[in-house]
Amino acid sequence: MTAVALAVGAVLACACALFVALPFLREPDPAEDRLDEPGALEKRALELAEEKDRALAALKELEFDHRTGKISDEDYRELIGPLRLRVAEALRALEPQAESTEERVRATS
């Protein structure tokens, strides 16, 4: 009796494993496997995000160089303002993009 229960359990476990793995084993439909070209809005959002990342990286590097003594206090004060301005401008430029993306998501829901 226990051998039959073990055999039924093993068959059931294999069937469950096959059922769970089936989506990963089949070939994807070509229509599902295609990535669409980003639109103008998405491209602009990516450019702004990259600009923000570059400005933040430059700001971080400047902070590090100042803390380690590679840059004097005078040079730091001279350079920090324009970098902070670049970061602020990039963040401001991204805000409308984020709002319009949220509106599009709400409209499609």
PDB file of N, CA and C in Angstrom:
ATOM      1  N   MET A   1       0.819  -1.185   0.000  1.00  0.00           N
ATOM      2  CA  MET A   1       0.000   0.000   0.000  1.00  0.00           C
ATOM      3  C   MET A   1       0.868   1.257   0.000  1.00  0.00           C
ATOM      4  N   THR A   2       1.936   1.269   0.801  1.00  0.00           N
ATOM      5  CA  THR A   2       2.804   2.436   0.853  1.00  0.00           C
ATOM      6  C   THR A   2       3.582   2.606  -0.435  1.00  0.00           C
ATOM      7  N   ALA A   3       3.885   1.494  -1.099  1.00  0.00           N
ATOM      8  CA  ALA A   3       4.602   1.590  -2.375  1.00  0.00           C
ATOM      9  C   ALA A   3       3.726   2.253  -3.425  1.00  0.00           C
ATOM     10  N   VAL A   4       2.440   1.924  -3.410  1.00  0.00           N
ATOM     11  CA  VAL A   4       1.504   2.533  -4.359  1.00  0.00           C
ATOM     12  C   VAL A   4       1.369   4.024  -4.051  1.00  0.00           C
ATOM     13  N   ALA A   5       1.296   4.396  -2.803  1.00  0.00           N
ATOM     14  CA  ALA A   5       1.180   5.802  -2.411  1.00  0.00           C
ATOM     15  C   ALA A   5       2.428   6.572  -2.822  1.00  0.00           C
ATOM     16  N   LEU A   6       3.592   5.947  -2.656  1.00  0.00           N
ATOM     17  CA  LEU A   6       4.836   6.604  -3.068  1.00  0.00           C
ATOM     18  C   LEU A   6       4.890   6.778  -4.578  1.00  0.00           C
ATOM     19  N   ALA A   7       4.459   5.764  -5.310  1.00  0.00           N
ATOM     20  CA  ALA A   7       4.453   5.852  -6.772  1.00  0.00           C
ATOM     21  C   ALA A   7       3.484   6.939  -7.238  1.00  0.00           C
ATOM     22  N   VAL A   8       2.303   7.003  -6.655  1.00  0.00           N
ATOM     23  CA  VAL A   8       1.322   8.040  -7.018  1.00  0.00           C
ATOM     24  C   VAL A   8       1.877   9.418  -6.655  1.00  0.00           C
ATOM     25  N   GLY A   9       2.521   9.527  -5.525  1.00  0.00           N
ATOM     26  CA  GLY A   9       3.128  10.800  -5.117  1.00  0.00           C
ATOM     27  C   GLY A   9       4.230  11.235  -6.056  1.00  0.00           C
ATOM     28  N   ALA A  10       5.058  10.283  -6.494  1.00  0.00           N
ATOM     29  CA  ALA A  10       6.145  10.603  -7.422  1.00  0.00           C
ATOM     30  C   ALA A  10       5.600  11.039  -8.773  1.00  0.00           C
ATOM     31  N   VAL A  11       4.560  10.338  -9.261  1.00  0.00           N
ATOM     32  CA  VAL A  11       3.936  10.715 -10.543  1.00  0.00           C
ATOM     33  C   VAL A  11       3.307  12.101 -10.419  1.00  0.00           C
ATOM     34  N   LEU A  12       2.641  12.352  -9.318  1.00  0.00           N
ATOM     35  CA  LEU A  12       2.012  13.658  -9.090  1.00  0.00           C
ATOM     36  C   LEU A  12       3.063  14.762  -9.003  1.00  0.00           C
ATOM     37  N   ALA A  13       4.177  14.485  -8.337  1.00  0.00           N
ATOM     38  CA  ALA A  13       5.254  15.477  -8.232  1.00  0.00           C
ATOM     39  C   ALA A  13       5.853  15.769  -9.600  1.00  0.00           C
ATOM     40  N   CYS A  14       6.063  14.735 -10.401  1.00  0.00           N
ATOM     41  CA  CYS A  14       6.594  14.937 -11.761  1.00  0.00           C
ATOM     42  C   CYS A  14       5.616  15.729 -12.622  1.00  0.00           C
ATOM     43  N   ALA A  15       4.338  15.425 -12.506  1.00  0.00           N
ATOM     44  CA  ALA A  15       3.327  16.147 -13.279  1.00  0.00           C
ATOM     45  C   ALA A  15       3.299  17.622 -12.873  1.00  0.00           C
ATOM     46  N   CYS A  16       3.397  17.894 -11.591  1.00  0.00           N
ATOM     47  CA  CYS A  16       3.413  19.285 -11.120  1.00  0.00           C
ATOM     48  C   CYS A  16       4.663  20.016 -11.609  1.00  0.00           C
ATOM     49  N   ALA A  17       5.794  19.361 -11.546  1.00  0.00           N
ATOM     50  CA  ALA A  17       7.039  19.979 -12.010  1.00  0.00           C
ATOM     51  C   ALA A  17       6.970  20.266 -13.502  1.00  0.00           C
ATOM     52  N   LEU A  18       6.421  19.355 -14.280  1.00  0.00           N
ATOM     53  CA  LEU A  18       6.265  19.565 -15.715  1.00  0.00           C
ATOM     54  C   LEU A  18       5.306  20.712 -15.997  1.00  0.00           C
ATOM     55  N   PHE A  19       4.219  20.777 -15.253  1.00  0.00           N
ATOM     56  CA  PHE A  19       3.241  21.848 -15.439  1.00  0.00           C
ATOM     57  C   PHE A  19       3.860  23.220 -15.153  1.00  0.00           C
ATOM     58  N   VAL A  20       4.665  23.314 -14.112  1.00  0.00           N
ATOM     59  CA  VAL A  20       5.305  24.574 -13.751  1.00  0.00           C
ATOM     60  C   VAL A  20       6.393  24.944 -14.765  1.00  0.00           C
ATOM     61  N   ALA A  21       7.123  23.949 -15.268  1.00  0.00           N
ATOM     62  CA  ALA A  21       8.233  24.212 -16.180  1.00  0.00           C
ATOM     63  C   ALA A  21       7.789  24.399 -17.625  1.00  0.00           C
ATOM     64  N   LEU A  22       6.564  24.016 -17.968  1.00  0.00           N
ATOM     65  CA  LEU A  22       6.107  24.061 -19.355  1.00  0.00           C
ATOM     66  C   LEU A  22       6.252  25.431 -20.017  1.00  0.00           C
ATOM     67  N   PRO A  23       5.906  26.557 -19.369  1.00  0.00           N
ATOM     68  CA  PRO A  23       6.094  27.855 -20.026  1.00  0.00           C
ATOM     69  C   PRO A  23       7.553  28.165 -20.354  1.00  0.00           C
ATOM     70  N   PHE A  24       8.474  27.615 -19.580  1.00  0.00           N
ATOM     71  CA  PHE A  24       9.887  27.858 -19.824  1.00  0.00           C
ATOM     72  C   PHE A  24      10.448  26.949 -20.908  1.00  0.00           C
ATOM     73  N   LEU A  25       9.782  25.857 -21.181  1.00  0.00           N
ATOM     74  CA  LEU A  25      10.270  24.887 -22.149  1.00  0.00           C
ATOM     75  C   LEU A  25       9.787  25.164 -23.570  1.00  0.00           C
ATOM     76  N   ARG A  26       8.691  25.867 -23.729  1.00  0.00           N
ATOM     77  CA  ARG A  26       8.150  26.115 -25.072  1.00  0.00           C
ATOM     78  C   ARG A  26       8.847  27.307 -25.710  1.00  0.00           C
ATOM     79  N   GLU A  27       8.849  27.339 -27.027  1.00  0.00           N
ATOM     80  CA  GLU A  27       9.424  28.449 -27.784  1.00  0.00           C
ATOM     81  C   GLU A  27       8.481  29.653 -27.672  1.00  0.00           C
ATOM     82  N   PRO A  28       9.030  30.852 -27.469  1.00  0.00           N
ATOM     83  CA  PRO A  28       8.149  32.021 -27.374  1.00  0.00           C
ATOM     84  C   PRO A  28       7.549  32.365 -28.730  1.00  0.00           C
ATOM     85  N   ASP A  29       6.365  32.909 -28.689  1.00  0.00           N
ATOM     86  CA  ASP A  29       5.705  33.392 -29.903  1.00  0.00           C
ATOM     87  C   ASP A  29       6.498  34.600 -30.402  1.00  0.00           C
ATOM     88  N   PRO A  30       6.826  34.671 -31.706  1.00  0.00           N
ATOM     89  CA  PRO A  30       7.624  35.801 -32.204  1.00  0.00           C
ATOM     90  C   PRO A  30       7.010  37.159 -31.879  1.00  0.00           C
ATOM     91  N   ALA A  31       5.702  37.253 -31.842  1.00  0.00           N
ATOM     92  CA  ALA A  31       5.067  38.536 -31.515  1.00  0.00           C
ATOM     93  C   ALA A  31       5.324  38.919 -30.058  1.00  0.00           C
ATOM     94  N   GLU A  32       5.426  37.923 -29.175  1.00  0.00           N
ATOM     95  CA  GLU A  32       5.677  38.197 -27.759  1.00  0.00           C
ATOM     96  C   GLU A  32       7.144  38.496 -27.487  1.00  0.00           C
ATOM     97  N   ASP A  33       8.019  38.053 -28.375  1.00  0.00           N
ATOM     98  CA  ASP A  33       9.452  38.134 -28.143  1.00  0.00           C
ATOM     99  C   ASP A  33      10.077  39.407 -28.710  1.00  0.00           C
ATOM    100  N   ARG A  34       9.268  40.327 -29.219  1.00  0.00           N
ATOM    101  CA  ARG A  34       9.785  41.511 -29.894  1.00  0.00           C
ATOM    102  C   ARG A  34       9.747  42.709 -28.945  1.00  0.00           C
ATOM    103  N   LEU A  35      10.831  43.467 -28.939  1.00  0.00           N
ATOM    104  CA  LEU A  35      10.881  44.703 -28.169  1.00  0.00           C
ATOM    105  C   LEU A  35      10.576  45.858 -29.105  1.00  0.00           C
ATOM    106  N   ASP A  36       9.680  46.715 -28.695  1.00  0.00           N
ATOM    107  CA  ASP A  36       9.350  47.872 -29.510  1.00  0.00           C
ATOM    108  C   ASP A  36      10.424  48.935 -29.387  1.00  0.00           C
ATOM    109  N   GLU A  37      10.599  49.687 -30.455  1.00  0.00           N
ATOM    110  CA  GLU A  37      11.525  50.818 -30.462  1.00  0.00           C
ATOM    111  C   GLU A  37      10.975  51.878 -29.510  1.00  0.00           C
ATOM    112  N   PRO A  38      11.823  52.404 -28.620  1.00  0.00           N
ATOM    113  CA  PRO A  38      11.310  53.439 -27.711  1.00  0.00           C
ATOM    114  C   PRO A  38      10.885  54.675 -28.494  1.00  0.00           C
ATOM    115  N   GLY A  39       9.814  55.283 -28.039  1.00  0.00           N
ATOM    116  CA  GLY A  39       9.314  56.488 -28.685  1.00  0.00           C
ATOM    117  C   GLY A  39      10.161  57.695 -28.326  1.00  0.00           C
ATOM    118  N   ALA A  40       9.786  58.829 -28.880  1.00  0.00           N
ATOM    119  CA  ALA A  40      10.532  60.061 -28.640  1.00  0.00           C
ATOM    120  C   ALA A  40      10.516  60.430 -27.156  1.00  0.00           C
ATOM    121  N   LEU A  41       9.372  60.229 -26.501  1.00  0.00           N
ATOM    122  CA  LEU A  41       9.257  60.564 -25.084  1.00  0.00           C
ATOM    123  C   LEU A  41      10.175  59.684 -24.239  1.00  0.00           C
ATOM    124  N   GLU A  42      10.214  58.391 -24.548  1.00  0.00           N
ATOM    125  CA  GLU A  42      11.077  57.481 -23.797  1.00  0.00           C
ATOM    126  C   GLU A  42      12.550  57.793 -24.050  1.00  0.00           C
ATOM    127  N   LYS A  43      12.904  58.116 -25.310  1.00  0.00           N
ATOM    128  CA  LYS A  43      14.293  58.468 -25.619  1.00  0.00           C
ATOM    129  C   LYS A  43      14.721  59.709 -24.857  1.00  0.00           C
ATOM    130  N   ARG A  44      13.839  60.712 -24.821  1.00  0.00           N
ATOM    131  CA  ARG A  44      14.156  61.952 -24.100  1.00  0.00           C
ATOM    132  C   ARG A  44      14.307  61.675 -22.604  1.00  0.00           C
ATOM    133  N   ALA A  45      13.436  60.830 -22.060  1.00  0.00           N
ATOM    134  CA  ALA A  45      13.523  60.486 -20.638  1.00  0.00           C
ATOM    135  C   ALA A  45      14.842  59.763 -20.345  1.00  0.00           C
ATOM    136  N   LEU A  46      15.269  58.884 -21.248  1.00  0.00           N
ATOM    137  CA  LEU A  46      16.546  58.193 -21.063  1.00  0.00           C
ATOM    138  C   LEU A  46      17.719  59.165 -21.124  1.00  0.00           C
ATOM    139  N   GLU A  47      17.673  60.110 -22.067  1.00  0.00           N
ATOM    140  CA  GLU A  47      18.742  61.104 -22.166  1.00  0.00           C
ATOM    141  C   GLU A  47      18.822  61.940 -20.897  1.00  0.00           C
ATOM    142  N   LEU A  48      17.659  62.354 -20.382  1.00  0.00           N
ATOM    143  CA  LEU A  48      17.647  63.158 -19.158  1.00  0.00           C
ATOM    144  C   LEU A  48      18.139  62.348 -17.963  1.00  0.00           C
ATOM    145  N   ALA A  49      17.755  61.089 -17.891  1.00  0.00           N
ATOM    146  CA  ALA A  49      18.219  60.245 -16.789  1.00  0.00           C
ATOM    147  C   ALA A  49      19.731  60.043 -16.866  1.00  0.00           C
ATOM    148  N   GLU A  50      20.259  59.880 -18.066  1.00  0.00           N
ATOM    149  CA  GLU A  50      21.705  59.739 -18.222  1.00  0.00           C
ATOM    150  C   GLU A  50      22.427  61.023 -17.835  1.00  0.00           C
ATOM    151  N   GLU A  51      21.878  62.166 -18.201  1.00  0.00           N
ATOM    152  CA  GLU A  51      22.479  63.449 -17.819  1.00  0.00           C
ATOM    153  C   GLU A  51      22.475  63.603 -16.304  1.00  0.00           C
ATOM    154  N   LYS A  52      21.359  63.240 -15.668  1.00  0.00           N
ATOM    155  CA  LYS A  52      21.275  63.304 -14.208  1.00  0.00           C
ATOM    156  C   LYS A  52      22.323  62.391 -13.583  1.00  0.00           C
ATOM    157  N   ASP A  53      22.463  61.173 -14.105  1.00  0.00           N
ATOM    158  CA  ASP A  53      23.452  60.232 -13.565  1.00  0.00           C
ATOM    159  C   ASP A  53      24.878  60.746 -13.728  1.00  0.00           C
ATOM    160  N   ARG A  54      25.167  61.343 -14.899  1.00  0.00           N
ATOM    161  CA  ARG A  54      26.512  61.893 -15.114  1.00  0.00           C
ATOM    162  C   ARG A  54      26.778  63.046 -14.146  1.00  0.00           C
ATOM    163  N   ALA A  55      25.798  63.920 -13.964  1.00  0.00           N
ATOM    164  CA  ALA A  55      25.985  65.062 -13.071  1.00  0.00           C
ATOM    165  C   ALA A  55      26.148  64.595 -11.624  1.00  0.00           C
ATOM    166  N   LEU A  56      25.356  63.606 -11.209  1.00  0.00           N
ATOM    167  CA  LEU A  56      25.490  63.088  -9.845  1.00  0.00           C
ATOM    168  C   LEU A  56      26.832  62.406  -9.636  1.00  0.00           C
ATOM    169  N   ALA A  57      27.306  61.691 -10.658  1.00  0.00           N
ATOM    170  CA  ALA A  57      28.618  61.044 -10.545  1.00  0.00           C
ATOM    171  C   ALA A  57      29.722  62.087 -10.435  1.00  0.00           C
ATOM    172  N   ALA A  58      29.617  63.160 -11.220  1.00  0.00           N
ATOM    173  CA  ALA A  58      30.627  64.226 -11.150  1.00  0.00           C
ATOM    174  C   ALA A  58      30.585  64.902  -9.786  1.00  0.00           C
ATOM    175  N   LEU A  59      29.390  65.114  -9.255  1.00  0.00           N
ATOM    176  CA  LEU A  59      29.238  65.723  -7.937  1.00  0.00           C
ATOM    177  C   LEU A  59      29.831  64.819  -6.857  1.00  0.00           C
ATOM    178  N   LYS A  60      29.573  63.530  -6.960  1.00  0.00           N
ATOM    179  CA  LYS A  60      30.121  62.577  -5.994  1.00  0.00           C
ATOM    180  C   LYS A  60      31.641  62.552  -6.054  1.00  0.00           C
ATOM    181  N   GLU A  61      32.185  62.576  -7.261  1.00  0.00           N
ATOM    182  CA  GLU A  61      33.634  62.569  -7.425  1.00  0.00           C
ATOM    183  C   GLU A  61      34.252  63.847  -6.860  1.00  0.00           C
ATOM    184  N   LEU A  62      33.592  64.983  -7.097  1.00  0.00           N
ATOM    185  CA  LEU A  62      34.090  66.246  -6.557  1.00  0.00           C
ATOM    186  C   LEU A  62      34.078  66.219  -5.034  1.00  0.00           C
ATOM    187  N   GLU A  63      32.998  65.711  -4.455  1.00  0.00           N
ATOM    188  CA  GLU A  63      32.916  65.599  -2.991  1.00  0.00           C
ATOM    189  C   GLU A  63      34.042  64.712  -2.459  1.00  0.00           C
ATOM    190  N   PHE A  64      34.275  63.591  -3.125  1.00  0.00           N
ATOM    191  CA  PHE A  64      35.332  62.670  -2.685  1.00  0.00           C
ATOM    192  C   PHE A  64      36.702  63.335  -2.785  1.00  0.00           C
ATOM    193  N   ASP A  65      36.958  63.995  -3.918  1.00  0.00           N
ATOM    194  CA  ASP A  65      38.255  64.659  -4.092  1.00  0.00           C
ATOM    195  C   ASP A  65      38.462  65.756  -3.062  1.00  0.00           C
ATOM    196  N   HIS A  66      37.394  66.456  -2.705  1.00  0.00           N
ATOM    197  CA  HIS A  66      37.517  67.509  -1.692  1.00  0.00           C
ATOM    198  C   HIS A  66      37.809  66.906  -0.324  1.00  0.00           C
ATOM    199  N   ARG A  67      37.111  65.822   0.014  1.00  0.00           N
ATOM    200  CA  ARG A  67      37.322  65.194   1.316  1.00  0.00           C
ATOM    201  C   ARG A  67      38.713  64.577   1.454  1.00  0.00           C
ATOM    202  N   THR A  68      39.254  64.105   0.345  1.00  0.00           N
ATOM    203  CA  THR A  68      40.584  63.487   0.411  1.00  0.00           C
ATOM    204  C   THR A  68      41.698  64.513   0.259  1.00  0.00           C
ATOM    205  N   GLY A  69      41.345  65.775   0.032  1.00  0.00           N
ATOM    206  CA  GLY A  69      42.341  66.831  -0.046  1.00  0.00           C
ATOM    207  C   GLY A  69      42.920  67.052  -1.426  1.00  0.00           C
ATOM    208  N   LYS A  70      42.391  66.424  -2.441  1.00  0.00           N
ATOM    209  CA  LYS A  70      42.897  66.622  -3.802  1.00  0.00           C
ATOM    210  C   LYS A  70      42.457  67.969  -4.376  1.00  0.00           C
ATOM    211  N   ILE A  71      41.346  68.496  -3.828  1.00  0.00           N
ATOM    212  CA  ILE A  71      40.814  69.786  -4.304  1.00  0.00           C
ATOM    213  C   ILE A  71      40.741  70.726  -3.109  1.00  0.00           C
ATOM    214  N   SER A  72      41.208  71.938  -3.311  1.00  0.00           N
ATOM    215  CA  SER A  72      41.199  72.921  -2.225  1.00  0.00           C
ATOM    216  C   SER A  72      39.772  73.413  -1.970  1.00  0.00           C
ATOM    217  N   ASP A  73      39.597  74.085  -0.818  1.00  0.00           N
ATOM    218  CA  ASP A  73      38.282  74.628  -0.474  1.00  0.00           C
ATOM    219  C   ASP A  73      37.814  75.657  -1.502  1.00  0.00           C
ATOM    220  N   GLU A  74      38.736  76.489  -1.981  1.00  0.00           N
ATOM    221  CA  GLU A  74      38.370  77.521  -2.961  1.00  0.00           C
ATOM    222  C   GLU A  74      37.894  76.888  -4.278  1.00  0.00           C
ATOM    223  N   ASP A  75      38.661  75.907  -4.749  1.00  0.00           N
ATOM    224  CA  ASP A  75      38.272  75.229  -5.986  1.00  0.00           C
ATOM    225  C   ASP A  75      36.944  74.489  -5.810  1.00  0.00           C
ATOM    226  N   TYR A  76      36.773  73.890  -4.641  1.00  0.00           N
ATOM    227  CA  TYR A  76      35.537  73.165  -4.367  1.00  0.00           C
ATOM    228  C   TYR A  76      34.345  74.111  -4.430  1.00  0.00           C
ATOM    229  N   ARG A  77      34.444  75.264  -3.765  1.00  0.00           N
ATOM    230  CA  ARG A  77      33.345  76.245  -3.780  1.00  0.00           C
ATOM    231  C   ARG A  77      33.061  76.738  -5.187  1.00  0.00           C
ATOM    232  N   GLU A  78      34.091  76.851  -6.002  1.00  0.00           N
ATOM    233  CA  GLU A  78      33.930  77.317  -7.372  1.00  0.00           C
ATOM    234  C   GLU A  78      33.240  76.262  -8.248  1.00  0.00           C
ATOM    235  N   LEU A  79      33.544  74.990  -8.013  1.00  0.00           N
ATOM    236  CA  LEU A  79      33.031  73.918  -8.871  1.00  0.00           C
ATOM    237  C   LEU A  79      31.687  73.354  -8.419  1.00  0.00           C
ATOM    238  N   ILE A  80      31.381  73.443  -7.131  1.00  0.00           N
ATOM    239  CA  ILE A  80      30.180  72.787  -6.609  1.00  0.00           C
ATOM    240  C   ILE A  80      28.893  73.434  -7.118  1.00  0.00           C
ATOM    241  N   GLY A  81      28.891  74.738  -7.266  1.00  0.00           N
ATOM    242  CA  GLY A  81      27.677  75.441  -7.711  1.00  0.00           C
ATOM    243  C   GLY A  81      27.184  74.993  -9.084  1.00  0.00           C
ATOM    244  N   PRO A  82      28.034  75.033 -10.106  1.00  0.00           N
ATOM    245  CA  PRO A  82      27.578  74.595 -11.430  1.00  0.00           C
ATOM    246  C   PRO A  82      27.156  73.123 -11.474  1.00  0.00           C
ATOM    247  N   LEU A  83      27.836  72.279 -10.685  1.00  0.00           N
ATOM    248  CA  LEU A  83      27.444  70.864 -10.667  1.00  0.00           C
ATOM    249  C   LEU A  83      26.081  70.672 -10.028  1.00  0.00           C
ATOM    250  N   ARG A  84      25.848  71.360  -8.935  1.00  0.00           N
ATOM    251  CA  ARG A  84      24.529  71.273  -8.296  1.00  0.00           C
ATOM    252  C   ARG A  84      23.443  71.819  -9.211  1.00  0.00           C
ATOM    253  N   LEU A  85      23.763  72.846  -9.953  1.00  0.00           N
ATOM    254  CA  LEU A  85      22.808  73.409 -10.913  1.00  0.00           C
ATOM    255  C   LEU A  85      22.477  72.386 -12.005  1.00  0.00           C
ATOM    256  N   ARG A  86      23.502  71.688 -12.507  1.00  0.00           N
ATOM    257  CA  ARG A  86      23.261  70.651 -13.522  1.00  0.00           C
ATOM    258  C   ARG A  86      22.360  69.547 -12.999  1.00  0.00           C
ATOM    259  N   VAL A  87      22.612  69.119 -11.766  1.00  0.00           N
ATOM    260  CA  VAL A  87      21.776  68.069 -11.163  1.00  0.00           C
ATOM    261  C   VAL A  87      20.349  68.566 -11.004  1.00  0.00           C
ATOM    262  N   ALA A  88      20.185  69.790 -10.501  1.00  0.00           N
ATOM    263  CA  ALA A  88      18.843  70.339 -10.306  1.00  0.00           C
ATOM    264  C   ALA A  88      18.104  70.483 -11.632  1.00  0.00           C
ATOM    265  N   GLU A  89      18.789  70.940 -12.669  1.00  0.00           N
ATOM    266  CA  GLU A  89      18.151  71.088 -13.976  1.00  0.00           C
ATOM    267  C   GLU A  89      17.729  69.734 -14.539  1.00  0.00           C
ATOM    268  N   ALA A  90      18.573  68.743 -14.382  1.00  0.00           N
ATOM    269  CA  ALA A  90      18.228  67.406 -14.876  1.00  0.00           C
ATOM    270  C   ALA A  90      17.036  66.838 -14.117  1.00  0.00           C
ATOM    271  N   LEU A  91      17.004  67.044 -12.809  1.00  0.00           N
ATOM    272  CA  LEU A  91      15.871  66.553 -12.022  1.00  0.00           C
ATOM    273  C   LEU A  91      14.586  67.283 -12.384  1.00  0.00           C
ATOM    274  N   ARG A  92      14.667  68.606 -12.572  1.00  0.00           N
ATOM    275  CA  ARG A  92      13.479  69.367 -12.980  1.00  0.00           C
ATOM    276  C   ARG A  92      12.980  68.921 -14.350  1.00  0.00           C
ATOM    277  N   ALA A  93      13.912  68.646 -15.256  1.00  0.00           N
ATOM    278  CA  ALA A  93      13.526  68.212 -16.603  1.00  0.00           C
ATOM    279  C   ALA A  93      12.883  66.831 -16.570  1.00  0.00           C
ATOM    280  N   LEU A  94      13.269  65.994 -15.617  1.00  0.00           N
ATOM    281  CA  LEU A  94      12.693  64.654 -15.511  1.00  0.00           C
ATOM    282  C   LEU A  94      11.304  64.656 -14.888  1.00  0.00           C
ATOM    283  N   GLU A  95      10.980  65.634 -14.072  1.00  0.00           N
ATOM    284  CA  GLU A  95       9.682  65.657 -13.395  1.00  0.00           C
ATOM    285  C   GLU A  95       8.504  65.611 -14.360  1.00  0.00           C
ATOM    286  N   PRO A  96       8.429  66.456 -15.388  1.00  0.00           N
ATOM    287  CA  PRO A  96       7.282  66.351 -16.306  1.00  0.00           C
ATOM    288  C   PRO A  96       7.244  65.016 -17.031  1.00  0.00           C
ATOM    289  N   GLN A  97       8.409  64.437 -17.304  1.00  0.00           N
ATOM    290  CA  GLN A  97       8.459  63.136 -17.959  1.00  0.00           C
ATOM    291  C   GLN A  97       7.828  62.084 -17.055  1.00  0.00           C
ATOM    292  N   ALA A  98       8.137  62.136 -15.780  1.00  0.00           N
ATOM    293  CA  ALA A  98       7.584  61.162 -14.849  1.00  0.00           C
ATOM    294  C   ALA A  98       6.078  61.335 -14.728  1.00  0.00           C
ATOM    295  N   GLU A  99       5.607  62.587 -14.686  1.00  0.00           N
ATOM    296  CA  GLU A  99       4.178  62.832 -14.580  1.00  0.00           C
ATOM    297  C   GLU A  99       3.446  62.346 -15.827  1.00  0.00           C
ATOM    298  N   SER A 100       3.990  62.613 -17.017  1.00  0.00           N
ATOM    299  CA  SER A 100       3.316  62.187 -18.239  1.00  0.00           C
ATOM    300  C   SER A 100       3.338  60.667 -18.363  1.00  0.00           C
ATOM    301  N   THR A 101       4.393  60.013 -17.884  1.00  0.00           N
ATOM    302  CA  THR A 101       4.445  58.552 -17.897  1.00  0.00           C
ATOM    303  C   THR A 101       3.390  57.985 -16.969  1.00  0.00           C
ATOM    304  N   GLU A 102       3.232  58.588 -15.798  1.00  0.00           N
ATOM    305  CA  GLU A 102       2.205  58.134 -14.862  1.00  0.00           C
ATOM    306  C   GLU A 102       0.821  58.304 -15.459  1.00  0.00           C
ATOM    307  N   GLU A 103       0.588  59.424 -16.159  1.00  0.00           N
ATOM    308  CA  GLU A 103      -0.704  59.655 -16.785  1.00  0.00           C
ATOM    309  C   GLU A 103      -0.984  58.620 -17.861  1.00  0.00           C
ATOM    310  N   ARG A 104       0.048  58.247 -18.652  1.00  0.00           N
ATOM    311  CA  ARG A 104      -0.146  57.234 -19.688  1.00  0.00           C
ATOM    312  C   ARG A 104      -0.457  55.886 -19.082  1.00  0.00           C
ATOM    313  N   VAL A 105       0.203  55.556 -17.971  1.00  0.00           N
ATOM    314  CA  VAL A 105      -0.055  54.279 -17.312  1.00  0.00           C
ATOM    315  C   VAL A 105      -1.487  54.252 -16.781  1.00  0.00           C
ATOM    316  N   ARG A 106      -1.922  55.348 -16.190  1.00  0.00           N
ATOM    317  CA  ARG A 106      -3.296  55.412 -15.690  1.00  0.00           C
ATOM    318  C   ARG A 106      -4.305  55.302 -16.825  1.00  0.00           C
ATOM    319  N   ALA A 107      -4.001  55.911 -17.970  1.00  0.00           N
ATOM    320  CA  ALA A 107      -4.923  55.884 -19.098  1.00  0.00           C
ATOM    321  C   ALA A 107      -5.054  54.490 -19.686  1.00  0.00           C
ATOM    322  N   THR A 108      -3.982  53.709 -19.652  1.00  0.00           N
ATOM    323  CA  THR A 108      -4.036  52.360 -20.223  1.00  0.00           C
ATOM    324  C   THR A 108      -4.611  51.356 -19.238  1.00  0.00           C
ATOM    325  N   SER A 109      -4.703  51.719 -17.964  1.00  0.00           N
ATOM    326  CA  SER A 109      -5.218  50.777 -16.953  1.00  0.00           C
ATOM    327  C   SER A 109      -6.711  50.680 -17.025  1.00  0.00           C
TER     328      SER A 109
END
